[in-house]
Amino acid sequence: GSCRHLCCAGRNNACWAPGARRARCYCDSYCQRTGDCCQDYLATCRRAAVGCAVGPWGPWSGCSSPCGVGSRARSRQVTVPPRHGGDPCPDLKQRRGCLGQHPTCGTAK
């Protein structure tokens, strides 16, 4: 079987080609773990692999609590999605703790 025009990322049971003796051979990146890749998988698909790329982190949000313990968050966007078994995307969101200290916090009784 051949992976011509049939490279898939991850585990994808629909990404196969007819192989020898009516058996299926696979063109997804998981086939390397299971050992059932088509004979041209490495030459065809790994060469075409594109890893994920992400943009810069955005700014941190304001504290979710104006008074006391809360959290801040920030995110970034995928600029190039992974293809053909390339490296997956890293985390796109981060969160961290904060302490809200609005000027009115200490005045309420």
N, C-alpha and C. Protein backbone atom coordinates (compact mmCIF):
# COMPACT_ATOMS: atom_id res chain seq x y z
N GLY A 1 0.82 -1.19 0.00
CA GLY A 1 0.00 0.00 0.00
C GLY A 1 0.85 1.24 0.00
N SER A 2 0.26 2.33 -0.44
CA SER A 2 0.98 3.59 -0.55
C SER A 2 0.24 4.72 0.15
N CYS A 3 0.99 5.62 0.76
CA CYS A 3 0.42 6.78 1.46
C CYS A 3 0.33 8.02 0.58
N ARG A 4 0.52 7.86 -0.72
CA ARG A 4 0.41 9.03 -1.60
C ARG A 4 -0.86 9.80 -1.29
N HIS A 5 -0.74 11.08 -0.96
CA HIS A 5 -1.87 11.99 -0.69
C HIS A 5 -2.72 11.54 0.49
N LEU A 6 -2.16 10.80 1.44
CA LEU A 6 -2.99 10.26 2.51
C LEU A 6 -2.27 10.28 3.86
N CYS A 7 -1.63 11.35 4.22
CA CYS A 7 -0.94 11.41 5.51
C CYS A 7 -1.85 12.05 6.53
N CYS A 8 -1.97 11.43 7.71
CA CYS A 8 -2.86 11.93 8.76
C CYS A 8 -2.11 12.02 10.09
N ALA A 9 -2.50 12.96 10.90
CA ALA A 9 -1.89 13.13 12.21
C ALA A 9 -2.61 12.26 13.24
N GLY A 10 -1.90 11.93 14.31
CA GLY A 10 -2.50 11.22 15.43
C GLY A 10 -2.95 9.82 15.07
N ARG A 11 -3.96 9.34 15.80
CA ARG A 11 -4.53 8.02 15.54
C ARG A 11 -5.81 8.23 14.73
N ASN A 12 -5.81 7.74 13.52
CA ASN A 12 -6.94 7.96 12.62
C ASN A 12 -7.20 6.67 11.86
N ASN A 13 -8.19 5.91 12.31
CA ASN A 13 -8.49 4.62 11.70
C ASN A 13 -9.02 4.72 10.28
N ALA A 14 -9.41 5.93 9.86
CA ALA A 14 -9.90 6.11 8.49
C ALA A 14 -8.76 6.42 7.52
N CYS A 15 -7.54 6.50 8.03
CA CYS A 15 -6.39 6.89 7.21
C CYS A 15 -5.59 5.64 6.82
N TRP A 16 -6.09 4.89 5.87
CA TRP A 16 -5.44 3.64 5.48
C TRP A 16 -5.48 3.47 3.97
N ALA A 17 -4.70 2.52 3.52
CA ALA A 17 -4.65 2.17 2.10
C ALA A 17 -4.67 0.65 2.00
N PRO A 18 -5.13 0.11 0.87
CA PRO A 18 -5.10 -1.34 0.72
C PRO A 18 -3.65 -1.83 0.64
N GLY A 19 -3.35 -2.83 1.41
CA GLY A 19 -1.99 -3.39 1.43
C GLY A 19 -1.97 -4.77 0.82
N ALA A 20 -0.95 -5.49 1.14
CA ALA A 20 -0.79 -6.84 0.61
C ALA A 20 -1.81 -7.80 1.22
N ARG A 21 -2.28 -8.75 0.42
CA ARG A 21 -3.21 -9.80 0.86
C ARG A 21 -4.44 -9.26 1.59
N ARG A 22 -5.06 -8.25 1.02
CA ARG A 22 -6.29 -7.66 1.55
C ARG A 22 -6.13 -7.00 2.92
N ALA A 23 -4.93 -6.90 3.41
CA ALA A 23 -4.70 -6.25 4.70
C ALA A 23 -4.62 -4.74 4.49
N ARG A 24 -4.97 -4.01 5.52
CA ARG A 24 -4.86 -2.56 5.46
C ARG A 24 -3.50 -2.13 6.02
N CYS A 25 -2.92 -1.13 5.40
CA CYS A 25 -1.76 -0.49 5.99
C CYS A 25 -2.17 0.96 6.27
N TYR A 26 -1.57 1.57 7.27
CA TYR A 26 -2.03 2.87 7.74
C TYR A 26 -1.04 3.98 7.44
N CYS A 27 -1.58 5.19 7.35
CA CYS A 27 -0.79 6.39 7.02
C CYS A 27 -0.97 7.47 8.08
N ASP A 28 -1.41 7.07 9.28
CA ASP A 28 -1.51 8.03 10.38
C ASP A 28 -0.24 7.92 11.22
N SER A 29 0.09 8.95 11.97
CA SER A 29 1.35 8.94 12.71
C SER A 29 1.37 7.85 13.79
N TYR A 30 0.21 7.35 14.19
CA TYR A 30 0.13 6.30 15.21
C TYR A 30 0.63 4.96 14.68
N CYS A 31 0.67 4.80 13.37
CA CYS A 31 1.09 3.51 12.79
C CYS A 31 2.52 3.15 13.17
N GLN A 32 3.33 4.14 13.53
CA GLN A 32 4.69 3.84 13.95
C GLN A 32 4.70 3.09 15.28
N ARG A 33 3.72 3.35 16.13
CA ARG A 33 3.61 2.63 17.40
C ARG A 33 3.08 1.22 17.20
N THR A 34 2.13 1.09 16.30
CA THR A 34 1.47 -0.20 16.11
C THR A 34 2.18 -1.06 15.05
N GLY A 35 3.09 -0.48 14.29
CA GLY A 35 3.86 -1.24 13.32
C GLY A 35 3.10 -1.66 12.07
N ASP A 36 2.02 -0.95 11.74
CA ASP A 36 1.23 -1.32 10.57
C ASP A 36 1.20 -0.21 9.51
N CYS A 37 2.31 0.53 9.38
CA CYS A 37 2.41 1.60 8.40
C CYS A 37 2.54 1.05 6.98
N CYS A 38 2.07 1.81 6.03
CA CYS A 38 2.33 1.47 4.63
C CYS A 38 3.83 1.60 4.38
N GLN A 39 4.32 0.90 3.40
CA GLN A 39 5.76 0.82 3.17
C GLN A 39 6.40 2.18 2.88
N ASP A 40 5.64 3.13 2.33
CA ASP A 40 6.23 4.44 2.02
C ASP A 40 5.86 5.51 3.04
N TYR A 41 5.34 5.11 4.20
CA TYR A 41 4.90 6.09 5.20
C TYR A 41 6.01 7.08 5.58
N LEU A 42 7.16 6.57 5.98
CA LEU A 42 8.23 7.47 6.44
C LEU A 42 8.67 8.42 5.34
N ALA A 43 8.88 7.91 4.16
CA ALA A 43 9.35 8.76 3.06
C ALA A 43 8.30 9.78 2.65
N THR A 44 7.04 9.41 2.68
CA THR A 44 5.98 10.29 2.20
C THR A 44 5.46 11.22 3.29
N CYS A 45 5.19 10.69 4.46
CA CYS A 45 4.49 11.48 5.49
C CYS A 45 5.41 12.21 6.46
N ARG A 46 6.45 11.59 6.91
CA ARG A 46 7.32 12.27 7.87
C ARG A 46 8.00 13.48 7.23
N ARG A 47 8.30 13.38 5.96
CA ARG A 47 8.90 14.51 5.27
C ARG A 47 7.91 15.68 5.22
N ALA A 48 6.63 15.37 5.17
CA ALA A 48 5.61 16.40 5.06
C ALA A 48 5.13 16.90 6.42
N ALA A 49 5.68 16.37 7.51
CA ALA A 49 5.23 16.74 8.85
C ALA A 49 5.50 18.22 9.11
N VAL A 50 4.50 18.88 9.68
CA VAL A 50 4.61 20.29 10.05
C VAL A 50 4.22 20.40 11.51
N GLY A 51 5.13 20.87 12.33
CA GLY A 51 4.85 21.03 13.75
C GLY A 51 4.01 22.28 14.00
N CYS A 52 3.33 22.28 15.11
CA CYS A 52 2.51 23.41 15.51
C CYS A 52 3.38 24.63 15.81
N ALA A 53 2.90 25.79 15.44
CA ALA A 53 3.55 27.05 15.81
C ALA A 53 2.51 27.95 16.45
N VAL A 54 2.91 28.65 17.49
CA VAL A 54 1.99 29.54 18.20
C VAL A 54 2.55 30.95 18.23
N GLY A 55 1.65 31.91 18.40
CA GLY A 55 2.04 33.31 18.49
C GLY A 55 2.46 33.66 19.91
N PRO A 56 2.74 34.93 20.15
CA PRO A 56 3.16 35.36 21.48
C PRO A 56 2.00 35.35 22.46
N TRP A 57 2.33 35.31 23.73
CA TRP A 57 1.31 35.39 24.77
C TRP A 57 0.66 36.77 24.75
N GLY A 58 -0.64 36.81 24.94
CA GLY A 58 -1.35 38.07 25.10
C GLY A 58 -1.13 38.61 26.50
N PRO A 59 -1.70 39.77 26.81
CA PRO A 59 -1.52 40.34 28.14
C PRO A 59 -2.32 39.55 29.19
N TRP A 60 -1.89 39.65 30.42
CA TRP A 60 -2.63 39.05 31.52
C TRP A 60 -3.93 39.82 31.73
N SER A 61 -4.98 39.13 32.02
CA SER A 61 -6.26 39.77 32.32
C SER A 61 -6.18 40.43 33.69
N GLY A 62 -7.18 41.22 34.02
CA GLY A 62 -7.26 41.77 35.37
C GLY A 62 -7.60 40.66 36.34
N CYS A 63 -7.43 40.92 37.62
CA CYS A 63 -7.74 39.92 38.64
C CYS A 63 -9.25 39.65 38.65
N SER A 64 -9.62 38.39 38.74
CA SER A 64 -11.04 38.03 38.70
C SER A 64 -11.79 38.48 39.96
N SER A 65 -11.07 38.78 41.02
CA SER A 65 -11.70 39.23 42.27
C SER A 65 -11.19 40.63 42.60
N PRO A 66 -12.08 41.60 42.76
CA PRO A 66 -11.59 42.94 43.09
C PRO A 66 -11.00 43.00 44.51
N CYS A 67 -11.47 42.13 45.38
CA CYS A 67 -10.97 42.08 46.75
C CYS A 67 -10.67 40.63 47.12
N GLY A 68 -9.44 40.35 47.48
CA GLY A 68 -9.09 39.00 47.91
C GLY A 68 -8.54 38.16 46.78
N VAL A 69 -8.52 36.84 47.04
CA VAL A 69 -7.88 35.89 46.14
C VAL A 69 -8.69 35.70 44.86
N GLY A 70 -8.02 35.76 43.73
CA GLY A 70 -8.64 35.54 42.43
C GLY A 70 -7.63 34.93 41.48
N SER A 71 -7.87 35.10 40.20
CA SER A 71 -6.93 34.59 39.21
C SER A 71 -6.87 35.51 38.00
N ARG A 72 -5.75 35.41 37.30
CA ARG A 72 -5.53 36.12 36.04
C ARG A 72 -5.31 35.06 34.96
N ALA A 73 -5.61 35.43 33.73
CA ALA A 73 -5.42 34.48 32.63
C ALA A 73 -4.83 35.21 31.43
N ARG A 74 -4.17 34.44 30.58
CA ARG A 74 -3.69 34.95 29.30
C ARG A 74 -3.73 33.81 28.30
N SER A 75 -3.69 34.15 27.03
CA SER A 75 -3.77 33.12 26.00
C SER A 75 -2.92 33.52 24.79
N ARG A 76 -2.75 32.55 23.91
CA ARG A 76 -2.06 32.77 22.65
C ARG A 76 -2.76 31.95 21.59
N GLN A 77 -2.51 32.28 20.33
CA GLN A 77 -3.21 31.65 19.22
C GLN A 77 -2.28 30.72 18.44
N VAL A 78 -2.87 29.72 17.82
CA VAL A 78 -2.13 28.84 16.91
C VAL A 78 -1.93 29.60 15.60
N THR A 79 -0.69 29.70 15.15
CA THR A 79 -0.42 30.35 13.87
C THR A 79 -0.25 29.33 12.74
N VAL A 80 0.26 28.14 13.08
CA VAL A 80 0.38 27.06 12.10
C VAL A 80 -0.07 25.77 12.79
N PRO A 81 -1.20 25.20 12.39
CA PRO A 81 -1.64 23.95 13.02
C PRO A 81 -0.75 22.78 12.61
N PRO A 82 -0.63 21.78 13.49
CA PRO A 82 0.20 20.62 13.14
C PRO A 82 -0.44 19.83 12.00
N ARG A 83 0.43 19.29 11.13
CA ARG A 83 -0.08 18.48 10.02
C ARG A 83 0.82 17.27 9.83
N HIS A 84 0.24 16.20 9.38
CA HIS A 84 0.97 14.98 9.01
C HIS A 84 1.84 14.45 10.12
N GLY A 85 1.33 14.48 11.34
CA GLY A 85 2.09 13.90 12.44
C GLY A 85 3.15 14.81 13.02
N GLY A 86 3.11 16.10 12.71
CA GLY A 86 4.07 17.05 13.28
C GLY A 86 3.82 17.25 14.77
N ASP A 87 4.73 17.96 15.43
CA ASP A 87 4.61 18.17 16.87
C ASP A 87 3.30 18.84 17.21
N PRO A 88 2.63 18.38 18.29
CA PRO A 88 1.36 18.97 18.70
C PRO A 88 1.56 20.36 19.28
N CYS A 89 0.47 21.08 19.45
CA CYS A 89 0.52 22.44 19.99
C CYS A 89 0.77 22.41 21.50
N PRO A 90 1.53 23.38 21.99
CA PRO A 90 1.71 23.52 23.44
C PRO A 90 0.45 24.16 24.03
N ASP A 91 0.44 24.35 25.34
CA ASP A 91 -0.70 24.99 26.00
C ASP A 91 -0.97 26.36 25.39
N LEU A 92 -2.25 26.67 25.23
CA LEU A 92 -2.64 27.94 24.65
C LEU A 92 -3.17 28.91 25.71
N LYS A 93 -3.38 28.41 26.93
CA LYS A 93 -3.89 29.26 28.01
C LYS A 93 -3.05 29.05 29.25
N GLN A 94 -2.88 30.13 30.00
CA GLN A 94 -2.21 30.06 31.30
C GLN A 94 -3.06 30.80 32.31
N ARG A 95 -2.97 30.36 33.55
CA ARG A 95 -3.71 30.99 34.64
C ARG A 95 -2.78 31.08 35.84
N ARG A 96 -2.89 32.16 36.59
CA ARG A 96 -2.11 32.30 37.81
C ARG A 96 -2.93 33.05 38.85
N GLY A 97 -2.56 32.86 40.09
CA GLY A 97 -3.28 33.51 41.19
C GLY A 97 -2.97 34.99 41.28
N CYS A 98 -3.86 35.72 41.93
CA CYS A 98 -3.66 37.15 42.16
C CYS A 98 -4.44 37.55 43.42
N LEU A 99 -4.17 38.72 43.89
CA LEU A 99 -4.86 39.25 45.06
C LEU A 99 -5.44 40.60 44.68
N GLY A 100 -6.75 40.64 44.58
CA GLY A 100 -7.42 41.89 44.22
C GLY A 100 -7.28 42.91 45.34
N GLN A 101 -6.86 44.11 44.97
CA GLN A 101 -6.65 45.16 45.97
C GLN A 101 -7.27 46.48 45.54
N HIS A 102 -8.53 46.43 45.17
CA HIS A 102 -9.24 47.64 44.76
C HIS A 102 -9.29 48.59 45.95
N PRO A 103 -9.20 49.91 45.70
CA PRO A 103 -9.19 50.87 46.81
C PRO A 103 -10.36 50.77 47.78
N THR A 104 -11.50 50.26 47.32
CA THR A 104 -12.67 50.17 48.21
C THR A 104 -12.68 48.91 49.06
N CYS A 105 -11.72 48.01 48.90
CA CYS A 105 -11.74 46.73 49.61
C CYS A 105 -11.70 46.89 51.12
N GLY A 106 -10.89 47.76 51.62
CA GLY A 106 -10.74 47.90 53.08
C GLY A 106 -11.78 48.79 53.73
N THR A 107 -12.64 49.45 52.94
CA THR A 107 -13.58 50.39 53.52
C THR A 107 -14.93 49.78 53.89
N ALA A 108 -15.26 48.64 53.30
CA ALA A 108 -16.57 48.01 53.60
C ALA A 108 -16.52 47.36 54.97
N LYS A 109 -17.58 47.51 55.74
CA LYS A 109 -17.68 46.90 57.07
C LYS A 109 -18.60 45.70 57.03
